[in-house]
């Protein structure tokens, strides 16, 4: 039996503080997906857009773990695709 991939998003200190102040819960976007997040992927939380900057693969007693490093937030109106 294989262990499911656990994905942990790593935010900047400023964005972590904003998430706490706003009482926002970040959904587990990649639970059950067959494809792990990649640098350049974009997601939104609380009206702000985040871009994945990098990944770090680890393995512990519970199986594989992917730490996903997230870039600084941008307001939705500042979003640029391309």
N, C-alpha and C. Protein backbone atom coordinates (compact mmCIF):
# COMPACT_ATOMS: atom_id res chain seq x y z
N UNK A 1 0.85 -1.19 0.00
CA UNK A 1 0.00 0.00 0.00
C UNK A 1 0.89 1.24 0.00
N UNK A 2 0.65 2.16 -0.91
CA UNK A 2 1.47 3.36 -0.99
C UNK A 2 0.90 4.46 -0.09
N UNK A 3 1.80 5.29 0.41
CA UNK A 3 1.39 6.42 1.25
C UNK A 3 1.01 7.59 0.36
N UNK A 4 -0.06 8.31 0.69
CA UNK A 4 -0.42 9.49 -0.11
C UNK A 4 0.60 10.60 0.09
N UNK A 5 0.77 11.39 -0.93
CA UNK A 5 1.69 12.53 -0.85
C UNK A 5 1.12 13.59 0.08
N UNK A 6 1.92 14.04 1.01
CA UNK A 6 1.54 15.15 1.88
C UNK A 6 2.21 16.40 1.33
N UNK A 7 1.44 17.45 1.15
CA UNK A 7 1.93 18.71 0.62
C UNK A 7 1.79 19.78 1.69
N UNK A 8 2.88 20.49 1.97
CA UNK A 8 2.87 21.56 2.96
C UNK A 8 3.28 22.85 2.25
N UNK A 9 2.41 23.85 2.29
CA UNK A 9 2.72 25.15 1.70
C UNK A 9 3.54 25.98 2.69
N UNK A 10 4.62 26.59 2.21
CA UNK A 10 5.50 27.42 3.04
C UNK A 10 5.38 28.86 2.55
N UNK A 11 4.77 29.71 3.39
CA UNK A 11 4.54 31.12 3.05
C UNK A 11 5.61 32.00 3.70
N UNK A 12 5.76 33.22 3.17
CA UNK A 12 6.65 34.20 3.80
C UNK A 12 6.07 34.59 5.16
N UNK A 13 6.91 35.16 6.02
CA UNK A 13 6.44 35.59 7.34
C UNK A 13 5.31 36.60 7.23
N UNK A 14 5.41 37.53 6.27
CA UNK A 14 4.37 38.54 6.09
C UNK A 14 3.04 37.91 5.69
N UNK A 15 3.11 36.96 4.77
CA UNK A 15 1.88 36.31 4.32
C UNK A 15 1.30 35.40 5.40
N UNK A 16 2.16 34.75 6.19
CA UNK A 16 1.66 33.96 7.32
C UNK A 16 0.91 34.85 8.29
N UNK A 17 1.46 36.04 8.59
CA UNK A 17 0.80 36.98 9.50
C UNK A 17 -0.53 37.43 8.92
N UNK A 18 -0.58 37.73 7.62
CA UNK A 18 -1.82 38.16 6.97
C UNK A 18 -2.87 37.05 7.05
N UNK A 19 -2.47 35.80 6.81
CA UNK A 19 -3.41 34.68 6.89
C UNK A 19 -3.98 34.55 8.30
N UNK A 20 -3.12 34.71 9.32
CA UNK A 20 -3.59 34.62 10.71
C UNK A 20 -4.54 35.77 11.05
N UNK A 21 -4.15 37.00 10.68
CA UNK A 21 -5.00 38.17 10.97
C UNK A 21 -6.35 38.06 10.28
N UNK A 22 -6.36 37.50 9.10
CA UNK A 22 -7.60 37.37 8.32
C UNK A 22 -8.40 36.13 8.69
N UNK A 23 -7.87 35.32 9.58
CA UNK A 23 -8.52 34.06 9.98
C UNK A 23 -8.84 33.18 8.77
N UNK A 24 -7.91 33.12 7.83
CA UNK A 24 -8.12 32.31 6.62
C UNK A 24 -7.50 30.93 6.80
N UNK A 25 -8.20 29.93 6.32
CA UNK A 25 -7.70 28.57 6.30
C UNK A 25 -7.34 28.24 4.86
N UNK A 26 -6.12 27.83 4.63
CA UNK A 26 -5.68 27.48 3.28
C UNK A 26 -6.12 26.05 2.99
N UNK A 27 -6.92 25.86 1.95
CA UNK A 27 -7.38 24.50 1.61
C UNK A 27 -6.20 23.60 1.20
N UNK A 28 -6.38 22.31 1.33
CA UNK A 28 -5.39 21.35 0.87
C UNK A 28 -5.66 21.13 -0.63
N UNK A 29 -5.15 22.05 -1.44
CA UNK A 29 -5.46 22.08 -2.87
C UNK A 29 -5.10 20.78 -3.59
N UNK A 30 -4.02 20.12 -3.17
CA UNK A 30 -3.53 18.99 -3.93
C UNK A 30 -3.91 17.64 -3.36
N UNK A 31 -4.74 17.60 -2.34
CA UNK A 31 -5.19 16.31 -1.76
C UNK A 31 -5.94 15.53 -2.83
N UNK A 32 -5.51 14.31 -3.04
CA UNK A 32 -6.18 13.44 -3.99
C UNK A 32 -5.79 13.66 -5.44
N UNK A 33 -4.95 14.62 -5.72
CA UNK A 33 -4.52 14.86 -7.11
C UNK A 33 -3.35 13.96 -7.45
N UNK A 34 -3.27 13.52 -8.67
CA UNK A 34 -2.17 12.68 -9.12
C UNK A 34 -0.94 13.46 -9.51
N UNK A 35 -1.06 14.78 -9.61
CA UNK A 35 0.07 15.62 -10.02
C UNK A 35 0.39 16.61 -8.91
N UNK A 36 1.65 16.64 -8.51
CA UNK A 36 2.09 17.57 -7.46
C UNK A 36 2.21 18.98 -8.03
N UNK A 37 2.10 20.02 -7.18
CA UNK A 37 2.26 21.40 -7.64
C UNK A 37 3.66 21.63 -8.18
N UNK A 38 3.76 22.50 -9.17
CA UNK A 38 5.03 22.80 -9.84
C UNK A 38 5.33 24.30 -9.73
N UNK A 39 6.61 24.67 -9.77
CA UNK A 39 6.94 26.10 -9.82
C UNK A 39 6.22 26.76 -11.00
N UNK A 40 5.67 27.92 -10.74
CA UNK A 40 4.90 28.64 -11.74
C UNK A 40 3.40 28.46 -11.58
N UNK A 41 2.97 27.40 -10.89
CA UNK A 41 1.54 27.23 -10.62
C UNK A 41 1.05 28.39 -9.76
N UNK A 42 -0.19 28.77 -9.95
CA UNK A 42 -0.79 29.91 -9.26
C UNK A 42 -2.05 29.44 -8.55
N UNK A 43 -2.28 29.95 -7.35
CA UNK A 43 -3.53 29.68 -6.63
C UNK A 43 -3.94 30.92 -5.86
N UNK A 44 -5.22 30.98 -5.46
CA UNK A 44 -5.74 32.14 -4.75
C UNK A 44 -6.29 31.75 -3.40
N UNK A 45 -6.06 32.63 -2.44
CA UNK A 45 -6.61 32.50 -1.09
C UNK A 45 -7.01 33.89 -0.64
N UNK A 46 -8.23 34.06 -0.16
CA UNK A 46 -8.67 35.33 0.40
C UNK A 46 -8.52 36.52 -0.53
N UNK A 47 -8.69 36.30 -1.83
CA UNK A 47 -8.60 37.40 -2.79
C UNK A 47 -7.18 37.76 -3.18
N UNK A 48 -6.20 37.02 -2.71
CA UNK A 48 -4.80 37.26 -3.10
C UNK A 48 -4.28 36.08 -3.89
N UNK A 49 -3.38 36.39 -4.79
CA UNK A 49 -2.82 35.37 -5.67
C UNK A 49 -1.39 35.03 -5.24
N UNK A 50 -1.08 33.74 -5.25
CA UNK A 50 0.24 33.26 -4.88
C UNK A 50 0.81 32.41 -6.01
N UNK A 51 2.12 32.50 -6.22
CA UNK A 51 2.79 31.70 -7.23
C UNK A 51 3.79 30.78 -6.54
N UNK A 52 3.81 29.54 -6.95
CA UNK A 52 4.75 28.58 -6.38
C UNK A 52 6.14 28.87 -6.95
N UNK A 53 7.10 29.04 -6.03
CA UNK A 53 8.46 29.40 -6.41
C UNK A 53 9.41 28.20 -6.45
N UNK A 54 9.20 27.22 -5.57
CA UNK A 54 10.11 26.08 -5.52
C UNK A 54 9.53 24.95 -4.69
N UNK A 55 10.22 23.80 -4.73
CA UNK A 55 9.74 22.61 -4.04
C UNK A 55 10.93 21.92 -3.35
N UNK A 56 10.63 21.26 -2.24
CA UNK A 56 11.63 20.48 -1.52
C UNK A 56 10.99 19.15 -1.16
N UNK A 57 11.55 18.07 -1.68
CA UNK A 57 11.05 16.73 -1.38
C UNK A 57 11.73 16.21 -0.13
N UNK A 58 10.95 15.61 0.78
CA UNK A 58 11.46 14.99 1.98
C UNK A 58 10.77 13.65 2.16
N UNK A 59 11.29 12.85 3.07
CA UNK A 59 10.66 11.58 3.41
C UNK A 59 10.87 11.35 4.89
N UNK A 60 9.79 11.00 5.61
CA UNK A 60 9.89 10.72 7.03
C UNK A 60 9.17 9.41 7.32
N UNK A 61 8.94 9.12 8.58
CA UNK A 61 8.30 7.86 8.97
C UNK A 61 6.90 7.69 8.39
N UNK A 62 6.26 8.81 8.01
CA UNK A 62 4.90 8.77 7.48
C UNK A 62 4.86 8.72 5.96
N UNK A 63 6.01 8.78 5.31
CA UNK A 63 6.05 8.71 3.86
C UNK A 63 6.57 9.99 3.23
N UNK A 64 6.29 10.17 1.95
CA UNK A 64 6.80 11.34 1.23
C UNK A 64 6.13 12.63 1.69
N UNK A 65 6.91 13.70 1.66
CA UNK A 65 6.43 15.03 2.02
C UNK A 65 7.00 16.01 1.03
N UNK A 66 6.15 16.86 0.48
CA UNK A 66 6.58 17.89 -0.47
C UNK A 66 6.34 19.25 0.15
N UNK A 67 7.41 19.98 0.44
CA UNK A 67 7.29 21.36 0.92
C UNK A 67 7.29 22.26 -0.30
N UNK A 68 6.26 23.08 -0.40
CA UNK A 68 6.07 23.96 -1.56
C UNK A 68 6.26 25.40 -1.09
N UNK A 69 7.29 26.05 -1.63
CA UNK A 69 7.61 27.42 -1.23
C UNK A 69 6.84 28.39 -2.11
N UNK A 70 6.10 29.28 -1.45
CA UNK A 70 5.15 30.17 -2.11
C UNK A 70 5.73 31.58 -2.16
N UNK A 71 5.59 32.24 -3.31
CA UNK A 71 6.03 33.63 -3.43
C UNK A 71 5.09 34.57 -2.73
N UNK A 72 5.49 35.82 -2.63
CA UNK A 72 4.70 36.85 -1.95
C UNK A 72 3.35 37.03 -2.63
N UNK A 73 2.35 37.38 -1.81
CA UNK A 73 0.98 37.55 -2.30
C UNK A 73 0.87 38.78 -3.17
N UNK A 74 -0.06 38.70 -4.11
CA UNK A 74 -0.43 39.83 -4.95
C UNK A 74 -1.93 39.96 -4.91
N UNK A 75 -2.41 41.19 -4.86
CA UNK A 75 -3.86 41.41 -4.89
C UNK A 75 -4.40 40.91 -6.23
N UNK A 76 -5.63 40.44 -6.20
CA UNK A 76 -6.23 39.89 -7.41
C UNK A 76 -6.20 40.88 -8.56
N UNK A 77 -6.36 42.17 -8.27
CA UNK A 77 -6.36 43.18 -9.33
C UNK A 77 -4.97 43.38 -9.93
N UNK A 78 -3.92 42.91 -9.21
CA UNK A 78 -2.56 43.04 -9.71
C UNK A 78 -2.11 41.82 -10.50
N UNK A 79 -3.02 40.87 -10.68
CA UNK A 79 -2.66 39.59 -11.30
C UNK A 79 -2.31 39.78 -12.77
N UNK A 80 -1.20 39.17 -13.15
CA UNK A 80 -0.78 39.19 -14.55
C UNK A 80 -0.49 37.75 -14.94
N UNK A 81 -1.13 37.28 -15.97
CA UNK A 81 -0.88 35.93 -16.44
C UNK A 81 -0.11 36.04 -17.75
N UNK A 82 1.02 35.36 -17.81
CA UNK A 82 1.79 35.33 -19.05
C UNK A 82 3.08 36.05 -18.95
